[in-house]
Structure formats: structure tokens, C-alpha cells
Amino acid sequence: MAEMIESEIVANVWKVLVKPGDAVAEGDTVMILESMKMEIPVEIENAGTVSAVHVAEGDSVTEGGALVTVE
């Protein structure tokens, strides 16, 4: 079952650390967001394989915006 990782805040995508096909473990950081000069790591709750990355470095995201899909 696919798990959609969404942004919890309005932010800019500072660094994307995964690509489709990458295996991820529980607690892995998949990207880093930047908001108000703070770096916010986005972590995976369940292990799986990244099936899609919905943003690129430099993109702006809104609260609830899709970041990564993990199968």
C-alpha cells in the first residue's frame, strides 16, 4: 500500500535526498525543507521503496502538499 508523505508546513524544498527506486527505512530523512531560516528534515514512518518524488529542490510547498510516495 502506498504511503504519501506530505508537507506539514509552508516551506521551500532545500534538499531532496532520494529518487524513485531508492529503498528507505523507518526514520530515514528523504528531504530537507527550509522555513524561516530553519531546516526541517522530512522522515519516513514506514520502510519501503520510493515510487515518486513530487517536488524538486527550490520548489515551494504548501501545508498538505505531496512530497514523496513510498510503496
Protein backbone atom coordinates (compact mmCIF):
# COMPACT_ATOMS: atom_id res chain seq x y z
CA MET A 1 0.00 0.00 0.00
CA ALA A 2 1.38 3.40 -0.97
CA GLU A 3 2.12 6.00 1.68
CA MET A 4 2.05 9.66 0.64
CA ILE A 5 4.43 11.87 2.62
CA GLU A 6 3.03 15.40 2.81
CA SER A 7 4.42 18.73 3.96
CA GLU A 8 3.31 19.77 7.43
CA ILE A 9 4.23 23.42 6.82
CA VAL A 10 4.61 26.06 4.12
CA ALA A 11 8.28 25.84 3.13
CA ASN A 12 10.87 25.66 0.38
CA VAL A 13 12.46 22.37 -0.66
CA TRP A 14 16.11 22.82 0.26
CA LYS A 15 17.49 19.33 -0.45
CA VAL A 16 16.00 16.13 -1.93
CA LEU A 17 17.86 13.06 -0.67
CA VAL A 18 16.02 10.24 -2.50
CA LYS A 19 14.91 9.30 -6.01
CA PRO A 20 12.37 6.79 -7.34
CA GLY A 21 13.56 3.24 -6.74
CA ASP A 22 15.50 4.04 -3.57
CA ALA A 23 14.86 1.79 -0.57
CA VAL A 24 14.13 3.67 2.65
CA ALA A 25 13.98 2.52 6.26
CA GLU A 26 11.79 3.78 9.08
CA GLY A 27 13.21 7.10 10.29
CA ASP A 28 15.24 7.86 7.14
CA THR A 29 15.34 11.51 6.09
CA VAL A 30 14.09 11.84 2.50
CA MET A 31 14.36 15.61 2.12
CA ILE A 32 15.03 18.80 3.98
CA LEU A 33 12.63 21.72 3.91
CA GLU A 34 13.51 25.30 4.81
CA SER A 35 11.14 27.69 6.53
CA MET A 36 12.01 30.92 8.35
CA LYS A 37 15.73 30.08 8.02
CA MET A 38 15.22 26.75 9.82
CA GLU A 39 16.00 23.36 8.27
CA ILE A 40 13.21 20.81 8.77
CA PRO A 41 14.02 17.15 7.98
CA VAL A 42 11.22 15.05 6.48
CA GLU A 43 11.43 11.48 7.77
CA ILE A 44 9.78 8.23 6.64
CA GLU A 45 7.48 6.50 9.12
CA ASN A 46 7.46 3.08 7.40
CA ALA A 47 10.14 1.26 5.41
CA GLY A 48 9.58 0.79 1.70
CA THR A 49 10.65 1.88 -1.77
CA VAL A 50 10.30 5.42 -3.10
CA SER A 51 7.91 5.26 -6.06
CA ALA A 52 7.68 9.02 -6.76
CA VAL A 53 9.23 12.31 -5.72
CA HIS A 54 6.68 15.08 -6.30
CA VAL A 55 8.93 18.13 -5.75
CA ALA A 56 12.37 19.36 -6.76
CA GLU A 57 14.98 21.38 -4.93
CA GLY A 58 13.95 25.03 -4.90
CA ASP A 59 10.22 24.32 -5.13
CA SER A 60 7.80 25.92 -2.69
CA VAL A 61 5.35 23.63 -0.91
CA THR A 62 2.15 24.33 0.99
CA GLU A 63 0.81 22.58 4.05
CA GLY A 64 -0.53 19.21 2.92
CA GLY A 65 1.40 19.29 -0.37
CA ALA A 66 2.66 15.95 -1.71
CA LEU A 67 6.40 15.39 -1.27
CA VAL A 68 7.18 11.68 -1.71
CA THR A 69 5.26 8.45 -2.30
CA VAL A 70 6.62 5.27 -0.69
CA GLU A 71 5.35 1.78 -1.59
